[in-house]
C-alpha atoms as a PDB file:
ATOM      1  CA  MET A   1      -5.636   7.350   6.437  1.00  0.00           C
ATOM      2  CA  LEU A   2      -7.516   4.989   4.103  1.00  0.00           C
ATOM      3  CA  THR A   3      -6.141   5.065   0.777  1.00  0.00           C
ATOM      4  CA  ARG A   4      -7.463   7.947  -1.415  1.00  0.00           C
ATOM      5  CA  GLU A   5      -8.360   5.840  -4.511  1.00  0.00           C
ATOM      6  CA  TYR A   6     -11.200   4.240  -2.580  1.00  0.00           C
ATOM      7  CA  ARG A   7     -12.470   7.128  -0.606  1.00  0.00           C
ATOM      8  CA  GLY A   8     -16.325   7.449  -0.726  1.00  0.00           C
ATOM      9  CA  ILE A   9     -17.210   3.984  -1.806  1.00  0.00           C
ATOM     10  CA  ARG A  10     -20.100   2.635   0.246  1.00  0.00           C
ATOM     11  CA  TYR A  11     -22.090  -0.517   0.140  1.00  0.00           C
ATOM     12  CA  ASP A  12     -25.679  -0.948   1.580  1.00  0.00           C
ATOM     13  CA  ASP A  13     -24.962  -4.436   2.803  1.00  0.00           C
ATOM     14  CA  PRO A  14     -23.296  -4.214   6.236  1.00  0.00           C
ATOM     15  CA  TRP A  15     -21.274  -7.414   5.654  1.00  0.00           C
ATOM     16  CA  LEU A  16     -20.031  -6.090   2.367  1.00  0.00           C
ATOM     17  CA  GLN A  17     -19.080  -2.725   3.885  1.00  0.00           C
ATOM     18  CA  ARG A  18     -17.168  -4.417   6.721  1.00  0.00           C
ATOM     19  CA  GLU A  19     -15.318  -6.598   4.307  1.00  0.00           C
ATOM     20  CA  PHE A  20     -14.547  -3.788   2.015  1.00  0.00           C
ATOM     21  CA  GLU A  21     -13.161  -1.801   5.026  1.00  0.00           C
ATOM     22  CA  ARG A  22     -11.238  -4.885   6.341  1.00  0.00           C
ATOM     23  CA  LEU A  23      -9.481  -4.949   3.025  1.00  0.00           C
ATOM     24  CA  LEU A  24      -8.937  -1.186   2.886  1.00  0.00           C
ATOM     25  CA  SER A  25      -7.370  -1.339   6.480  1.00  0.00           C
ATOM     26  CA  GLU A  26      -4.905  -4.053   5.136  1.00  0.00           C
ATOM     27  CA  VAL A  27      -3.719  -1.564   2.379  1.00  0.00           C
ATOM     28  CA  ASP A  28      -3.454   1.125   5.079  1.00  0.00           C
ATOM     29  CA  ALA A  29      -1.481  -0.864   7.516  1.00  0.00           C
ATOM     30  CA  LEU A  30       0.829  -1.814   4.824  1.00  0.00           C
ATOM     31  CA  GLU A  31       1.283   1.527   3.680  1.00  0.00           C
ATOM     32  CA  ARG A  32       1.960   2.797   7.199  1.00  0.00           C
ATOM     33  CA  ALA A  33       4.488  -0.056   7.468  1.00  0.00           C
ATOM     34  CA  ARG A  34       6.334   0.964   4.484  1.00  0.00           C
ATOM     35  CA  ALA A  35       6.688   4.578   5.583  1.00  0.00           C
ATOM     36  CA  PRO A  36      10.004   3.882   7.556  1.00  0.00           C
ATOM     37  CA  VAL A  37      11.466   1.595   4.800  1.00  0.00           C
ATOM     38  CA  GLU A  38      10.462   4.462   2.288  1.00  0.00           C
ATOM     39  CA  GLU A  39      12.568   6.857   4.472  1.00  0.00           C
ATOM     40  CA  GLU A  40      15.380   4.376   4.708  1.00  0.00           C
ATOM     41  CA  HIS A  41      15.303   4.058   0.966  1.00  0.00           C
ATOM     42  CA  ARG A  42      15.493   7.733   0.420  1.00  0.00           C
ATOM     43  CA  LYS A  43      18.573   8.023   2.689  1.00  0.00           C
ATOM     44  CA  ALA A  44      20.286   5.159   1.160  1.00  0.00           C
ATOM     45  CA  GLU A  45      19.871   6.609  -2.288  1.00  0.00           C
ATOM     46  CA  ARG A  46      21.489   9.826  -1.093  1.00  0.00           C
ATOM     47  CA  ALA A  47      24.207   7.717   0.535  1.00  0.00           C
ATOM     48  CA  ARG A  48      24.958   5.675  -2.485  1.00  0.00           C
ATOM     49  CA  GLU A  49      25.034   9.050  -4.638  1.00  0.00           C
ATOM     50  CA  ASP A  50      27.495  10.320  -2.230  1.00  0.00           C
ATOM     51  CA  GLY A  51      29.494   7.279  -2.099  1.00  0.00           C
ATOM     52  CA  GLU A  52      28.903   6.566   1.519  1.00  0.00           C
ATOM     53  CA  ILE A  53      27.377   3.040   0.986  1.00  0.00           C
ATOM     54  CA  SER A  54      28.331   0.272  -1.575  1.00  0.00           C
ATOM     55  CA  GLU A  55      25.843  -0.878  -4.256  1.00  0.00           C
ATOM     56  CA  ARG A  56      25.198  -4.000  -2.364  1.00  0.00           C
ATOM     57  CA  GLU A  57      24.165  -2.183   0.825  1.00  0.00           C
ATOM     58  CA  PHE A  58      21.996  -0.116  -1.226  1.00  0.00           C
ATOM     59  CA  ARG A  59      20.458  -3.164  -2.912  1.00  0.00           C
ATOM     60  CA  ALA A  60      19.643  -4.654   0.385  1.00  0.00           C
ATOM     61  CA  VAL A  61      17.458  -1.667   1.217  1.00  0.00           C
ATOM     62  CA  ASP A  62      16.253  -1.341  -2.294  1.00  0.00           C
ATOM     63  CA  ASP A  63      15.032  -5.026  -2.073  1.00  0.00           C
ATOM     64  CA  ARG A  64      13.039  -4.278   1.325  1.00  0.00           C
ATOM     65  CA  TYR A  65      11.402  -1.229  -0.353  1.00  0.00           C
ATOM     66  CA  ILE A  66      10.314  -3.150  -3.312  1.00  0.00           C
ATOM     67  CA  ALA A  67       8.985  -5.854  -1.218  1.00  0.00           C
ATOM     68  CA  ALA A  68       6.867  -3.334   0.710  1.00  0.00           C
ATOM     69  CA  ASN A  69       5.579  -1.881  -2.428  1.00  0.00           C
ATOM     70  CA  ASN A  70       4.712  -5.304  -3.788  1.00  0.00           C
ATOM     71  CA  LYS A  71       2.826  -6.315  -0.530  1.00  0.00           C
ATOM     72  CA  ILE A  72       0.727  -2.926  -1.022  1.00  0.00           C
ATOM     73  CA  ALA A  73       0.269  -3.861  -4.830  1.00  0.00           C
ATOM     74  CA  ALA A  74      -1.173  -7.208  -3.856  1.00  0.00           C
ATOM     75  CA  ALA A  75      -3.472  -5.736  -1.168  1.00  0.00           C
ATOM     76  CA  LYS A  76      -4.862  -3.321  -3.501  1.00  0.00           C
ATOM     77  CA  LYS A  77      -5.482  -5.963  -6.076  1.00  0.00           C
ATOM     78  CA  ARG A  78      -7.517  -7.745  -3.550  1.00  0.00           C
ATOM     79  CA  VAL A  79      -9.496  -4.650  -2.959  1.00  0.00           C
ATOM     80  CA  ASP A  80      -9.923  -4.295  -6.732  1.00  0.00           C
ATOM     81  CA  GLN A  81     -10.940  -7.873  -7.176  1.00  0.00           C
ATOM     82  CA  PHE A  82     -13.707  -7.350  -4.370  1.00  0.00           C
ATOM     83  CA  LEU A  83     -15.078  -4.265  -6.030  1.00  0.00           C
ATOM     84  CA  GLN A  84     -15.093  -6.250  -9.414  1.00  0.00           C
ATOM     85  CA  ALA A  85     -17.097  -9.135  -7.733  1.00  0.00           C
ATOM     86  CA  ASN A  86     -19.442  -6.753  -5.574  1.00  0.00           C
ATOM     87  CA  LYS A  87     -20.399  -4.047  -8.115  1.00  0.00           C
ATOM     88  CA  ASN A  88     -23.421  -2.881  -6.149  1.00  0.00           C
ATOM     89  CA  TYR A  89     -21.650  -0.029  -4.301  1.00  0.00           C
ATOM     90  CA  ARG A  90     -22.086   3.629  -4.475  1.00  0.00           C
ATOM     91  CA  VAL A  91     -19.628   6.450  -4.509  1.00  0.00           C
ATOM     92  CA  GLU A  92     -20.311   9.442  -1.996  1.00  0.00           C
ATOM     93  CA  LYS A  93     -18.655  12.682  -2.596  1.00  0.00           C
END
């Protein structure tokens, strides 16, 4: 499920391609790890709206969701930095 924003980017240099794919796999793994937290967050939002959980209970779930999103953002930033440092890629359609 490699992230869509980087689909089709290719390097001729095998080392660069492997490093790029490694960075993408980190993003992918973090996105997959976020999925259950995201679902828990949706449920917690509904439960808070329905008065089933306290604001403090919701905050705990929300903090985990924010942390997961921050990890993904940091991993995507590493990919973007790699692309900026190694601009000799091509985009295949």
